Protein backbone atom coordinates (compact mmCIF):
# COMPACT_ATOMS: atom_id res chain seq x y z
CA UNK A 1 7.48 -15.41 88.70
CA UNK A 2 6.69 -11.99 87.90
CA UNK A 3 10.41 -11.54 86.83
CA UNK A 4 10.16 -14.55 84.39
CA UNK A 5 7.17 -13.14 82.44
CA UNK A 6 8.80 -9.55 81.61
CA UNK A 7 11.99 -11.68 80.50
CA UNK A 8 9.42 -13.91 78.24
CA UNK A 9 7.86 -10.44 76.68
CA UNK A 10 11.32 -8.81 76.20
CA UNK A 11 12.34 -11.68 74.44
CA UNK A 12 9.42 -11.69 71.94
CA UNK A 13 9.72 -8.16 71.51
CA UNK A 14 13.71 -8.60 70.49
CA UNK A 15 12.69 -11.27 68.42
CA UNK A 16 9.71 -9.56 66.85
CA UNK A 17 12.09 -6.19 66.20
CA UNK A 18 14.88 -8.58 64.62
CA UNK A 19 12.28 -10.32 62.18
CA UNK A 20 11.29 -7.27 61.25
CA UNK A 21 14.80 -6.05 60.15
CA UNK A 22 14.86 -5.40 56.22
CA UNK A 23 18.16 -7.12 54.81
CA UNK A 24 19.37 -6.39 51.03
CA UNK A 25 22.38 -7.63 50.32
CA UNK A 26 24.69 -8.37 47.15
CA UNK A 27 26.17 -11.98 47.15
CA UNK A 28 28.67 -12.82 44.49
CA UNK A 29 29.57 -16.46 43.61
CA UNK A 30 33.22 -15.76 43.95
CA UNK A 31 35.34 -12.62 44.40
CA UNK A 32 38.53 -13.80 42.48
CA UNK A 33 37.99 -15.35 38.57
CA UNK A 34 39.64 -15.56 35.76
CA UNK A 35 38.95 -13.75 32.77
CA UNK A 36 37.68 -16.78 30.93
CA UNK A 37 35.01 -17.42 33.73
CA UNK A 38 31.67 -16.08 34.71
CA UNK A 39 30.88 -14.70 38.33
CA UNK A 40 27.10 -14.81 39.43
CA UNK A 41 25.77 -12.00 41.80
CA UNK A 42 22.57 -12.36 43.75
CA UNK A 43 21.15 -9.52 45.20
CA UNK A 44 18.67 -10.71 47.87
CA UNK A 45 16.23 -8.99 50.39
CA UNK A 46 13.73 -10.41 53.00
CA UNK A 47 11.02 -8.14 52.43
CA UNK A 48 9.26 -7.18 48.74
CA UNK A 49 10.15 -3.86 47.10
CA UNK A 50 9.81 -1.60 44.25
CA UNK A 51 12.04 0.25 41.75
CA UNK A 52 14.72 -1.98 41.87
CA UNK A 53 18.13 -0.46 40.01
CA UNK A 54 21.23 -2.56 39.41
CA UNK A 55 24.43 -1.26 39.30
CA UNK A 56 26.42 -0.64 36.15
CA UNK A 57 28.75 -3.56 36.41
CA UNK A 58 31.45 -1.55 35.15
CA UNK A 59 34.22 -3.97 33.82
CA UNK A 60 31.63 -6.56 32.74
CA UNK A 61 29.48 -7.57 30.13
CA UNK A 62 25.94 -8.85 31.44
CA UNK A 63 25.28 -12.44 29.47
CA UNK A 64 22.75 -13.33 31.69
CA UNK A 65 19.93 -12.08 33.73
CA UNK A 66 17.99 -10.67 35.56
CA UNK A 67 16.59 -13.95 36.73
CA UNK A 68 13.98 -13.47 39.25
CA UNK A 69 12.86 -15.73 41.99
CA UNK A 70 10.55 -15.53 45.26
CA UNK A 71 10.23 -18.09 48.05
CA UNK A 72 8.03 -18.14 51.03
CA UNK A 73 8.44 -20.62 53.77
CA UNK A 74 6.80 -21.14 57.35
CA UNK A 75 9.05 -22.50 59.95
CA UNK A 76 7.30 -22.91 63.70
CA UNK A 77 4.35 -20.47 62.58
CA UNK A 78 7.06 -17.64 61.02
CA UNK A 79 6.91 -16.79 57.73
CA UNK A 80 10.20 -16.28 56.01
CA UNK A 81 10.37 -14.15 52.87
CA UNK A 82 13.08 -14.14 50.16
CA UNK A 83 13.42 -12.29 46.58
CA UNK A 84 16.68 -12.56 44.59
CA UNK A 85 17.80 -10.97 41.43
CA UNK A 86 20.29 -12.74 39.83
CA UNK A 87 22.98 -11.59 37.27
CA UNK A 88 25.42 -13.23 35.13
CA UNK A 89 28.68 -11.59 33.93
CA UNK A 90 31.81 -11.94 32.04
CA UNK A 91 34.60 -9.72 32.63
CA UNK A 92 35.56 -7.36 29.78
CA UNK A 93 39.71 -7.23 30.99
CA UNK A 94 41.77 -8.30 33.56
CA UNK A 95 42.15 -5.99 36.94
CA UNK A 96 40.21 -4.67 40.11
CA UNK A 97 36.94 -3.78 39.76
CA UNK A 98 34.29 -2.41 42.36
CA UNK A 99 30.76 -3.13 41.09
CA UNK A 100 29.07 -0.46 42.86
CA UNK A 101 25.73 -0.22 44.89
CA UNK A 102 22.09 -1.32 43.62
CA UNK A 103 18.96 0.09 45.15
CA UNK A 104 15.49 -0.76 46.30
CA UNK A 105 12.14 1.07 47.64
CA UNK A 106 11.01 -0.98 50.61
CA UNK A 107 7.60 0.47 52.44
CA UNK A 108 9.12 3.97 50.99
CA UNK A 109 12.29 3.81 52.23
CA UNK A 110 15.53 3.59 50.10
CA UNK A 111 17.95 0.30 50.77
CA UNK A 112 21.72 -0.04 48.84
CA UNK A 113 24.12 -2.86 49.11
CA UNK A 114 27.57 -2.52 49.95
CA UNK A 115 29.88 -2.30 47.33
CA UNK A 116 31.86 -5.53 45.92
CA UNK A 117 35.31 -5.68 45.42
CA UNK A 118 36.02 -8.40 42.06
CA UNK A 119 39.57 -9.32 41.07
CA UNK A 120 39.83 -10.54 37.18
CA UNK A 121 43.30 -12.46 36.38
CA UNK A 122 44.59 -14.24 33.43
CA UNK A 123 42.75 -16.67 32.02
CA UNK A 124 42.62 -20.26 34.29
CA UNK A 125 42.50 -23.81 33.18
CA UNK A 126 38.96 -24.99 32.87
CA UNK A 127 38.72 -28.32 34.26
CA UNK A 128 38.20 -30.91 31.74
CA UNK A 129 35.42 -32.47 33.80
CA UNK A 130 32.89 -34.64 31.57
CA UNK A 131 30.01 -33.94 34.07
CA UNK A 132 30.59 -30.21 33.97
CA UNK A 133 27.71 -28.25 32.11
CA UNK A 134 30.39 -25.36 31.28
CA UNK A 135 33.06 -27.65 29.82
CA UNK A 136 30.15 -30.06 28.13
CA UNK A 137 29.18 -26.69 26.40
CA UNK A 138 32.25 -25.60 25.36
CA UNK A 139 33.22 -28.82 23.90
CA UNK A 140 29.82 -29.20 21.88
CA UNK A 141 29.43 -26.03 20.27
CA UNK A 142 31.10 -24.10 17.83
CA UNK A 143 31.05 -20.73 16.35
CA UNK A 144 32.83 -20.54 12.96
CA UNK A 145 33.54 -17.79 10.26
CA UNK A 146 34.57 -19.40 6.63
CA UNK A 147 36.12 -16.87 4.42
CA UNK A 148 36.24 -17.97 0.75
CA UNK A 149 40.12 -16.30 0.24
CA UNK A 150 42.76 -15.41 2.45
CA UNK A 151 44.82 -13.55 -0.08
CA UNK A 152 42.69 -11.72 -2.43
CA UNK A 153 43.37 -8.78 -4.90
CA UNK A 154 42.46 -4.95 -4.01
CA UNK A 155 38.98 -4.66 -4.78
CA UNK A 156 38.38 -8.68 -5.20
CA UNK A 157 35.11 -9.89 -3.62
CA UNK A 158 35.32 -12.19 -0.60
CA UNK A 159 32.57 -13.86 1.63
CA UNK A 160 32.39 -14.77 5.19
CA UNK A 161 30.00 -17.11 6.34
CA UNK A 162 28.96 -17.22 9.97
CA UNK A 163 28.09 -20.97 10.84
CA UNK A 164 26.77 -22.26 14.27
CA UNK A 165 27.54 -25.77 14.85
CA UNK A 166 25.74 -27.70 17.91
CA UNK A 167 26.43 -30.94 18.96
CA UNK A 168 23.35 -33.47 18.70
CA UNK A 169 23.94 -33.98 22.49
CA UNK A 170 22.71 -30.33 23.76
CA UNK A 171 20.17 -28.08 22.90
CA UNK A 172 20.02 -24.03 21.89
CA UNK A 173 16.75 -22.64 23.49
CA UNK A 174 17.94 -19.10 22.43
CA UNK A 175 21.13 -16.63 21.03
CA UNK A 176 21.72 -13.50 21.52
CA UNK A 177 24.07 -11.33 19.09
CA UNK A 178 25.97 -9.11 21.68
CA UNK A 179 29.41 -8.14 19.41
CA UNK A 180 28.74 -7.86 15.54
CA UNK A 181 32.21 -7.38 13.59
CA UNK A 182 32.76 -4.05 12.05
CA UNK A 183 34.76 -4.25 8.88
CA UNK A 184 36.91 -1.48 8.55
CA UNK A 185 38.88 -0.79 5.42
CA UNK A 186 36.20 -2.86 3.66
CA UNK A 187 33.21 -2.36 1.23
CA UNK A 188 30.53 -4.82 2.57
CA UNK A 189 27.39 -6.01 2.33
CA UNK A 190 25.06 -8.58 4.21
CA UNK A 191 23.31 -10.87 2.36
CA UNK A 192 19.80 -11.82 3.86
CA UNK A 193 19.88 -15.34 5.55
CA UNK A 194 16.16 -14.96 7.02
CA UNK A 195 14.76 -18.31 6.37
CA UNK A 196 17.47 -20.71 6.82
CA UNK A 197 17.14 -23.88 8.00
CA UNK A 198 18.93 -26.09 10.67
CA UNK A 199 20.97 -28.64 8.35
CA UNK A 200 23.37 -31.76 9.26
CA UNK A 201 27.12 -31.53 8.71
CA UNK A 202 30.22 -32.41 10.11
CA UNK A 203 33.07 -30.76 12.25
CA UNK A 204 36.27 -32.02 13.28
CA UNK A 205 35.40 -35.41 11.70
CA UNK A 206 32.20 -35.79 13.77
CA UNK A 207 28.36 -35.03 13.01
CA UNK A 208 26.92 -32.03 14.04
CA UNK A 209 23.98 -29.77 13.28
CA UNK A 210 24.85 -26.40 11.70
CA UNK A 211 22.73 -22.89 11.32
CA UNK A 212 24.23 -20.34 8.91
CA UNK A 213 23.85 -17.20 10.89
CA UNK A 214 25.22 -14.56 8.41
CA UNK A 215 26.54 -14.50 4.82
CA UNK A 216 28.80 -11.08 4.30
CA UNK A 217 30.43 -9.83 1.06
CA UNK A 218 33.42 -7.90 1.29
CA UNK A 219 35.81 -6.00 -1.19
CA UNK A 220 39.16 -4.91 0.73
CA UNK A 221 40.19 -1.21 -0.32
CA UNK A 222 43.14 -1.20 1.59
CA UNK A 223 46.49 -3.67 0.83
CA UNK A 224 48.35 -5.56 3.39
CA UNK A 225 47.00 -7.49 6.35
CA UNK A 226 43.26 -6.44 7.21
CA UNK A 227 41.47 -7.81 10.24
CA UNK A 228 38.08 -9.23 10.25
CA UNK A 229 36.68 -8.36 13.55
CA UNK A 230 34.81 -11.64 15.33
CA UNK A 231 31.06 -12.28 15.32
CA UNK A 232 30.38 -12.81 19.45
CA UNK A 233 26.82 -14.83 20.76
CA UNK A 234 25.70 -15.47 24.23
CA UNK A 235 23.77 -18.46 24.13
CA UNK A 236 21.39 -20.06 26.55
CA UNK A 237 21.46 -23.80 26.22
CA UNK A 238 21.23 -27.04 27.67
CA UNK A 239 23.28 -29.91 28.59
CA UNK A 240 23.06 -33.49 29.80
CA UNK A 241 23.69 -33.86 33.38
CA UNK A 242 24.76 -36.86 35.54
CA UNK A 243 21.74 -37.24 37.25
CA UNK A 244 18.57 -39.10 35.63
CA UNK A 245 15.00 -39.28 36.33
CA UNK A 246 12.80 -42.09 37.84
CA UNK A 247 12.46 -43.57 34.12
CA UNK A 248 16.29 -43.65 33.67
CA UNK A 249 16.56 -40.55 31.01
CA UNK A 250 19.03 -37.90 31.79
CA UNK A 251 18.26 -34.73 33.12
CA UNK A 252 19.11 -31.58 31.41
CA UNK A 253 21.06 -28.63 33.11
CA UNK A 254 20.41 -25.27 31.80
CA UNK A 255 23.85 -23.23 31.05
CA UNK A 256 24.55 -19.93 29.47
CA UNK A 257 27.68 -19.41 27.33
CA UNK A 258 29.65 -16.49 24.85
CA UNK A 259 31.07 -18.04 22.04
CA UNK A 260 33.25 -16.17 19.43
CA UNK A 261 34.13 -16.76 16.01
CA UNK A 262 37.91 -15.25 16.51
CA UNK A 263 39.53 -12.72 14.91
CA UNK A 264 40.50 -13.50 11.20
CA UNK A 265 43.28 -11.80 9.10
CA UNK A 266 43.76 -11.53 5.40
CA UNK A 267 46.71 -10.61 3.30
CA UNK A 268 45.42 -8.34 0.25
CA UNK A 269 47.70 -8.45 -2.69
CA UNK A 270 48.18 -5.04 -4.43
CA UNK A 271 47.53 -4.78 -7.94
CA UNK A 272 50.47 -5.08 -10.15
CA UNK A 273 51.92 -1.78 -11.69
CA UNK A 274 53.62 -3.63 -15.01
CA UNK A 275 50.93 -2.97 -17.67
CA UNK A 276 48.93 -0.79 -15.41
CA UNK A 277 46.59 1.49 -17.85
CA UNK A 278 46.77 5.46 -17.27
CA UNK A 279 43.18 5.57 -17.34
CA UNK A 280 42.66 2.76 -14.89
CA UNK A 281 39.83 3.51 -12.24
CA UNK A 282 39.95 0.55 -10.07
CA UNK A 283 37.68 -1.38 -12.11
CA UNK A 284 38.52 -5.31 -10.92
CA UNK A 285 36.50 -8.37 -12.50
CA UNK A 286 35.02 -9.34 -15.91
CA UNK A 287 33.02 -6.81 -17.93
CA UNK A 288 31.75 -5.77 -21.29
CA UNK A 289 31.11 -2.33 -22.42
CA UNK A 290 28.57 -0.70 -24.70
CA UNK A 291 27.97 2.54 -25.97
CA UNK A 292 24.47 2.97 -27.84
CA UNK A 293 22.45 6.08 -29.04
CA UNK A 294 18.61 6.11 -29.14
CA UNK A 295 18.81 7.65 -32.47
CA UNK A 296 21.29 8.07 -35.55
CA UNK A 297 19.00 10.11 -37.89
CA UNK A 298 17.02 13.47 -36.35
CA UNK A 299 16.36 17.06 -36.88
CA UNK A 300 18.13 20.11 -35.12
CA UNK A 301 17.09 21.11 -31.56
CA UNK A 302 15.69 17.22 -31.15
CA UNK A 303 16.96 14.84 -28.63
CA UNK A 304 18.43 11.81 -28.06
CA UNK A 305 20.12 9.71 -25.25
CA UNK A 306 23.88 8.44 -25.70
CA UNK A 307 23.96 5.65 -23.25
CA UNK A 308 27.68 4.44 -21.59
CA UNK A 309 27.03 0.85 -20.32
CA UNK A 310 29.34 -1.38 -18.28
CA UNK A 311 28.19 -4.92 -17.34
CA UNK A 312 29.39 -7.85 -16.05
CA UNK A 313 30.97 -9.49 -12.53
CA UNK A 314 32.96 -7.25 -10.20
CA UNK A 315 33.47 -4.18 -8.04
CA UNK A 316 30.34 -2.22 -10.35
CA UNK A 317 29.81 0.45 -7.46
CA UNK A 318 33.47 1.17 -6.93
CA UNK A 319 34.51 2.58 -9.94
CA UNK A 320 33.92 5.34 -12.31
CA UNK A 321 32.60 5.18 -15.86
CA UNK A 322 34.48 6.49 -18.78
CA UNK A 323 33.57 10.07 -20.07
CA UNK A 324 32.71 10.80 -23.59
CA UNK A 325 33.71 13.59 -25.83
CA UNK A 326 31.78 15.19 -27.84
CA UNK A 327 31.71 18.35 -30.63
CA UNK A 328 31.24 21.31 -29.61
CA UNK A 329 28.10 22.12 -31.89
CA UNK A 330 26.12 19.51 -29.49
CA UNK A 331 24.84 20.72 -26.70
CA UNK A 332 25.34 17.98 -23.82
CA UNK A 333 23.52 17.93 -20.07
CA UNK A 334 24.97 16.31 -17.24
CA UNK A 335 24.59 12.20 -17.18
CA UNK A 336 21.76 10.42 -15.56
CA UNK A 337 23.72 7.63 -13.78
CA UNK A 338 21.84 4.55 -13.26
CA UNK A 339 23.00 0.96 -11.06
CA UNK A 340 21.29 -2.29 -11.50
CA UNK A 341 23.22 -4.15 -9.35
CA UNK A 342 22.90 -7.43 -7.20
CA UNK A 343 25.27 -9.18 -4.59
CA UNK A 344 24.93 -12.36 -3.78
CA UNK A 345 27.77 -15.00 -2.77
CA UNK A 346 29.93 -14.64 -5.75
CA UNK A 347 30.10 -10.58 -5.61
CA UNK A 348 28.42 -7.87 -6.99
CA UNK A 349 26.52 -8.73 -10.72
CA UNK A 350 24.64 -6.28 -13.11
CA UNK A 351 25.43 -3.06 -14.92
CA UNK A 352 26.01 0.36 -14.58
CA UNK A 353 25.28 3.17 -17.10
CA UNK A 354 25.35 6.97 -17.70
CA UNK A 355 22.80 8.27 -19.82
CA UNK A 356 23.89 11.60 -21.66
CA UNK A 357 20.96 13.90 -23.42
CA UNK A 358 22.20 15.36 -26.94
CA UNK A 359 20.47 18.23 -28.48
CA UNK A 360 22.14 19.33 -31.77
CA UNK A 361 22.37 22.98 -32.85
CA UNK A 362 23.03 22.44 -36.78
CA UNK A 363 22.83 20.52 -39.54
CA UNK A 364 25.42 18.16 -40.75
CA UNK A 365 27.00 14.90 -39.65
CA UNK A 366 28.58 14.39 -36.38
CA UNK A 367 30.84 11.52 -35.30
CA UNK A 368 30.77 10.02 -31.63
CA UNK A 369 34.56 9.24 -31.27
CA UNK A 370 35.03 6.02 -29.52
CA UNK A 371 35.86 5.71 -26.16
CA UNK A 372 37.71 2.43 -24.17
CA UNK A 373 37.66 1.22 -20.46
CA UNK A 374 40.45 -0.86 -18.84
CA UNK A 375 39.93 -3.22 -15.87
CA UNK A 376 41.82 -5.90 -14.27
CA UNK A 377 40.76 -9.34 -15.05
CA UNK A 378 40.80 -12.11 -12.03
CA UNK A 379 41.17 -14.81 -14.70
CA UNK A 380 44.11 -14.18 -16.27
CA UNK A 381 45.62 -11.53 -13.83
CA UNK A 382 46.23 -8.85 -16.37
CA UNK A 383 44.80 -5.93 -17.47
CA UNK A 384 42.45 -5.63 -20.77
CA UNK A 385 41.12 -2.89 -22.57
CA UNK A 386 37.32 -2.30 -23.87
CA UNK A 387 36.84 -0.27 -26.86
CA UNK A 388 33.53 0.93 -28.28
CA UNK A 389 32.69 1.64 -32.01
CA UNK A 390 32.25 5.15 -33.43
CA UNK A 391 28.96 6.48 -33.87
CA UNK A 392 27.87 8.90 -36.39
CA UNK A 393 25.11 11.37 -35.95
CA UNK A 394 23.47 12.75 -39.08
CA UNK A 395 20.99 15.90 -38.26
CA UNK A 396 18.81 16.06 -41.63
CA UNK A 397 17.11 19.51 -41.02
CA UNK A 398 18.15 22.91 -39.41
CA UNK A 399 20.46 25.61 -40.01
CA UNK A 400 23.51 25.18 -41.11
CA UNK A 401 26.95 26.14 -39.26
CA UNK A 402 28.84 27.63 -41.99
CA UNK A 403 25.77 29.81 -43.42
CA UNK A 404 25.07 31.13 -39.87
CA UNK A 405 28.76 32.02 -39.60
CA UNK A 406 28.97 34.05 -42.68
CA UNK A 407 26.21 35.68 -42.52
CA UNK A 408 27.44 36.74 -38.61
CA UNK A 409 30.55 38.25 -40.39
CA UNK A 410 28.73 40.28 -43.22
CA UNK A 411 26.58 41.69 -40.47
CA UNK A 412 29.70 42.70 -38.48
CA UNK A 413 31.27 44.36 -41.51
CA UNK A 414 28.47 46.54 -42.50
CA UNK A 415 27.90 47.88 -39.13
CA UNK A 416 31.12 48.79 -38.17
CA UNK A 417 31.71 52.25 -36.51
CA UNK A 418 34.71 54.15 -35.40
CA UNK A 419 35.63 53.71 -31.71
CA UNK A 420 35.70 56.57 -29.71
CA UNK A 421 37.76 56.67 -26.64
CA UNK A 422 36.48 57.66 -23.54
CA UNK A 423 38.14 57.86 -20.17
CA UNK A 424 35.61 56.91 -18.22
CA UNK A 425 34.95 53.65 -20.80
CA UNK A 426 36.09 51.32 -17.81
CA UNK A 427 33.61 52.74 -14.86
CA UNK A 428 33.21 51.28 -11.57
CA UNK A 429 30.13 48.81 -11.04
CA UNK A 430 27.80 49.15 -8.32
CA UNK A 431 27.31 45.70 -6.82
CA UNK A 432 24.71 46.75 -4.43
CA UNK A 433 21.19 49.16 -4.64
CA UNK A 434 19.43 51.56 -2.42
CA UNK A 435 15.87 51.94 -3.94
CA UNK A 436 13.26 53.86 -1.81
CA UNK A 437 9.59 53.68 -2.75
CA UNK A 438 8.32 56.70 -4.60
CA UNK A 439 5.46 56.71 -2.07
CA UNK A 440 6.61 55.92 0.99
CA UNK A 441 4.15 53.76 3.63
CA UNK A 442 3.22 55.10 7.23
CA UNK A 443 3.02 52.50 10.20
CA UNK A 444 0.22 54.58 11.80
CA UNK A 445 -3.57 53.20 10.84
CA UNK A 446 -2.11 49.97 9.22
CA UNK A 447 -3.70 46.67 9.26
CA UNK A 448 -0.54 45.81 11.49
CA UNK A 449 -1.15 48.80 13.42
CA UNK A 450 -4.63 47.97 14.87
CA UNK A 451 -4.17 44.23 15.44
CA UNK A 452 -1.12 45.05 17.78
CA UNK A 453 -3.20 47.93 19.27
CA UNK A 454 -6.49 45.10 20.07
CA UNK A 455 -4.47 42.38 20.83
CA UNK A 456 -4.03 42.94 24.55
CA UNK A 457 -7.67 43.43 24.53
CA UNK A 458 -8.40 40.04 23.03
CA UNK A 459 -6.57 38.13 25.39
CA UNK A 460 -7.52 39.16 28.42
CA UNK A 461 -10.75 37.03 28.05
CA UNK A 462 -8.45 34.07 27.05
CA UNK A 463 -6.46 34.29 29.81
CA UNK A 464 -9.55 34.11 32.14
CA UNK A 465 -10.83 30.82 30.54
CA UNK A 466 -7.56 29.17 30.48
CA UNK A 467 -7.62 30.49 34.26
CA UNK A 468 -11.00 28.87 35.25
CA UNK A 469 -9.83 25.55 33.07
CA UNK A 470 -6.67 25.04 35.17
CA UNK A 471 -8.62 25.83 38.57
CA UNK A 472 -11.14 22.73 37.68
CA UNK A 473 -8.34 20.53 36.65
CA UNK A 474 -6.46 21.12 39.62
CA UNK A 475 -9.74 20.78 42.13
CA UNK A 476 -10.36 17.29 39.79
CA UNK A 477 -8.40 15.17 42.30
CA UNK A 478 -9.58 11.70 41.39
CA UNK A 479 -8.45 12.97 37.32
CA UNK A 480 -5.20 14.31 37.95
CA UNK A 481 -4.45 10.49 39.29
CA UNK A 482 -5.99 9.19 36.52
CA UNK A 483 -3.52 11.27 34.30
CA UNK A 484 -0.82 10.45 36.43
CA UNK A 485 -1.17 6.80 35.92
CA UNK A 486 -1.92 7.20 32.36
CA UNK A 487 1.84 9.22 31.88
CA UNK A 488 3.40 6.94 34.55
CA UNK A 489 1.85 3.80 31.96
CA UNK A 490 3.44 5.28 29.12
CA UNK A 491 6.37 6.00 30.36
CA UNK A 492 6.78 2.48 31.14
CA UNK A 493 5.43 1.20 27.97
CA UNK A 494 7.85 3.59 25.91
CA UNK A 495 10.59 1.51 27.94
CA UNK A 496 9.36 -1.69 26.87
CA UNK A 497 9.27 -0.55 23.52
CA UNK A 498 12.37 0.40 23.32
CA UNK A 499 13.54 -2.79 24.61
CA UNK A 500 11.54 -4.77 22.10
CA UNK A 501 14.08 -7.85 21.22
CA UNK A 502 15.57 -7.91 25.15
CA UNK A 503 13.33 -10.78 26.24
CA UNK A 504 14.02 -9.64 30.32
CA UNK A 505 14.14 -6.14 29.66
CA UNK A 506 11.17 -6.02 28.06
CA UNK A 507 8.90 -8.17 30.03
CA UNK A 508 10.30 -6.54 33.51
CA UNK A 509 9.30 -3.07 31.94
CA UNK A 510 5.74 -4.23 30.62
CA UNK A 511 5.09 -5.88 34.24
CA UNK A 512 5.75 -2.57 35.85
CA UNK A 513 4.04 -0.42 34.01
CA UNK A 514 0.83 -2.74 34.37
CA UNK A 515 1.81 -3.02 38.26
CA UNK A 516 2.05 1.24 38.35
CA UNK A 517 -1.25 1.59 36.27
CA UNK A 518 -3.29 -0.31 38.61
CA UNK A 519 -2.05 1.04 41.80
CA UNK A 520 -2.92 4.34 40.45
CA UNK A 521 -5.93 3.66 38.99
CA UNK A 522 -7.61 1.05 41.99
CA UNK A 523 -5.53 3.07 44.73
CA UNK A 524 -3.92 -0.11 46.09
CA UNK A 525 -0.48 -0.60 47.47
CA UNK A 526 2.03 -3.26 46.09
CA UNK A 527 1.08 -5.88 48.59
CA UNK A 528 -2.31 -5.75 47.53
CA UNK A 529 -1.83 -6.74 44.16
CA UNK A 530 -3.09 -10.19 44.13
CA UNK A 531 -5.43 -11.49 40.86
CA UNK A 532 -8.56 -12.09 42.67
CA UNK A 533 -8.43 -8.36 44.44
CA UNK A 534 -7.50 -6.87 40.71
CA UNK A 535 -10.29 -8.83 39.51
CA UNK A 536 -13.01 -7.80 42.03
CA UNK A 537 -12.00 -3.96 41.76
CA UNK A 538 -12.15 -4.05 37.97
CA UNK A 539 -15.53 -5.83 37.97
CA UNK A 540 -16.87 -3.20 40.79
CA UNK A 541 -15.79 -0.44 38.38
CA UNK A 542 -17.83 -2.04 35.58
CA UNK A 543 -14.93 -3.19 33.49
CA UNK A 544 -15.98 -5.90 31.03
CA UNK A 545 -14.89 -9.59 31.82
CA UNK A 546 -13.28 -9.88 28.58
CA UNK A 547 -11.15 -7.15 29.18
CA UNK A 548 -10.12 -8.27 32.71
CA UNK A 549 -9.47 -11.35 31.38
CA UNK A 550 -6.74 -9.79 28.56
CA UNK A 551 -5.07 -8.03 31.67
CA UNK A 552 -4.93 -10.95 33.45
CA UNK A 553 -3.24 -12.69 30.71
CA UNK A 554 -0.68 -10.12 29.84
CA UNK A 555 0.47 -10.38 33.69
CA UNK A 556 0.57 -14.13 32.87
CA UNK A 557 2.56 -13.52 30.00
CA UNK A 558 4.94 -11.48 31.83
CA UNK A 559 5.75 -14.48 34.63
CA UNK A 560 6.01 -17.12 31.74
CA UNK A 561 8.70 -15.17 29.55
CA UNK A 562 11.30 -15.88 32.40
CA UNK A 563 11.24 -19.34 31.84
CA UNK A 564 9.98 -19.83 28.08
CA UNK A 565 11.85 -18.85 24.56
CA UNK A 566 10.08 -15.70 23.47
CA UNK A 567 10.91 -14.25 19.98
CA UNK A 568 10.41 -10.56 18.83
CA UNK A 569 6.80 -10.89 17.14
CA UNK A 570 5.05 -12.53 20.61
CA UNK A 571 6.86 -9.45 22.44
CA UNK A 572 5.10 -6.93 19.80
CA UNK A 573 1.64 -8.69 20.39
CA UNK A 574 1.97 -8.51 24.00
CA UNK A 575 2.77 -4.44 23.53
CA UNK A 576 0.06 -3.92 21.56
CA UNK A 577 -2.35 -5.78 23.63
CA UNK A 578 -0.83 -4.20 26.91
CA UNK A 579 -1.29 -0.55 25.38
CA UNK A 580 -5.35 -1.53 23.94
CA UNK A 581 -6.16 -3.10 27.34
CA UNK A 582 -5.13 -0.12 29.09
CA UNK A 583 -7.25 2.36 26.85
CA UNK A 584 -10.18 0.09 27.30
CA UNK A 585 -9.81 0.13 31.16
CA UNK A 586 -9.69 3.92 31.48
CA UNK A 587 -12.64 3.96 29.00
CA UNK A 588 -14.84 1.31 31.05
CA UNK A 589 -13.85 2.35 34.40
CA UNK A 590 -16.10 4.29 36.57
C-alpha cells in the first residue's frame, strides 16, 4: 500500500512538471508551395509572454498579420492555455529559403523557435473549385491599368488610370498599396483622386463596381519600348462560402489576396527629322507666342518690363523659351521665369513666361527685333513656327549717344600726353597683403584674460550644485521608476507614430506602450494586467474616473482594431488620446 502511494505521488509530480513545461513552436501551413500560393505560419506558445519578435521572413512578403488569438480551456480541472501569432506570406521568387528563429520572453527567460525550411517552386495550377474562397476571390476582383495611348510621340502626354473592379458577389473590407510603380524614363505627375466614389460599370461584359485608385499623367523622355511598372495591392475581402446560417443566408469567409495591374509596354515614336527647325527645343503640343512691353515711351534710366510668353497645351515645363536680342544701349537684367501650369488628364495646360527688366541709357528709338518659336504640332504631325511682331521703344528724354561720344573724343584729344617708356611699366601685382597694427594689443590684462582666469573658480560651485542634484535624483527610486516608465511609453508611442497608416503594427505598438507604462507606474507584473485591477489601482492613486475610462477605452480600441477596419484618422485620434491620458495620469497619480 505504501509503494502504491509513492507511485501515485511520483505520477502527480511528473504530470505537474510536464504541464509546467514551456512550449514555443513555429508551425507552417506547408513546407513546399508554388510562387503563386500563400504560406501561413503560426507561432504558438502555451504560456503568455512579452516582447515577441518575429523573424525577418527573408524571401517573402508579409501580406497579412500578425493576427493574434488566445484560447483558455479547462479539461478535468486542468487549465490549458494557447496564444498564437499568425502571419500570411507571399514568396518573392523561387528557391529554397530558411525562416529564422522567432523569440519571446516568458517569466524572464527567452525562448526561440526552430528555423523552418521552405521550398518555393514554379507556379502551380490552382483548382477551379467554385467553393474555394481563393478561387472565388481571383475570379471576382481585378486591378486594371487603362492607358490612353500605347504609341505616343516623344514628349506627348499619355494618362494611366488604375481601376479596381469588384464583383457584387464579394465585399472588400480594406486595401493596402504594397508596391507603387516607378515611372522610369517618364516625366510624371499624379492627379488627386481623393473623394472618388464607387461607380457601376462592366468588366468583360459582366456587371461590376469599380473605384478609380490613381490617375497619372506621363510624358515619355526616351524613344523605343518603355515599361510601365504595375501597381500592386493587398486586399482584405469577404467571399461567399458553401455554408449557410439558420436563416438560409450564405456565410461569408474572410480572404487576403494580392492583385496587380501587370506590366504595360508602350512604344514611343521619335519626332520626325524632316523639317525639324534648327532652333527646336523639344516643345510638343499646341502653343501661342506673345511678346509684349509694359511701356513703349519713357525717359532714360527709367525701366520697362519685356515679357516673352508661351501658352497652350503641351509639355510646358519641359522646354526653354526663346531668348531676346536687344541693342547694347539698353541695359538688360536676367529674366524672371514664371509658370502658371495645371495638369489634368489631357496633360499640361497654361503658360510659361520670362520677364526681362530693361533700362535705356540714352535718348532715341530702339527697335526690339521679332523672335520666333518652333514646336511640333500633334494634330498636323508637323513642325510649326510662331513669330512675334517688332516693338519700337521711344526714349524721349536723356543724353544723346552721339553727343556723349563726341565729347569723350574731344576730351581725349585735348589731354594728349607723350608716352614715356619705362622698363617697370608691367610690374608684378601682389595678390596678398600683410598688414600689422600701428599699436599692437597685448593679451595680458584684457577682458578675455580675466575671464579665463576666473572661469575655474566660478565652475566649482556649479559642479557642487550639479553633484547634489544628481545625488538627490539617484536617491529618488520612485521618481526614477516614473521617468523610466515615461521614457518607455514615449519609445513605444514613437514606434506607434511611425506606424500610422499600418493598422496592425500601430495598435500592437500602442498596446505595448500602455502595458509597459502601467507595469512601471503601478509596479505590477504582466499576469496582473486585468481591467478591474488597473481601475482599482489607478483610483487608489487619485486618478480621476474620466481619465481611467479614457485609458480603458484606448485598450479596448487596441483589441477591437484587430477585427474591424480602421482608417488613419481614427489611428491619429487614438494616438493623441493615449499621449494625453498618460500625461494626465502622471499629473494626478499620488
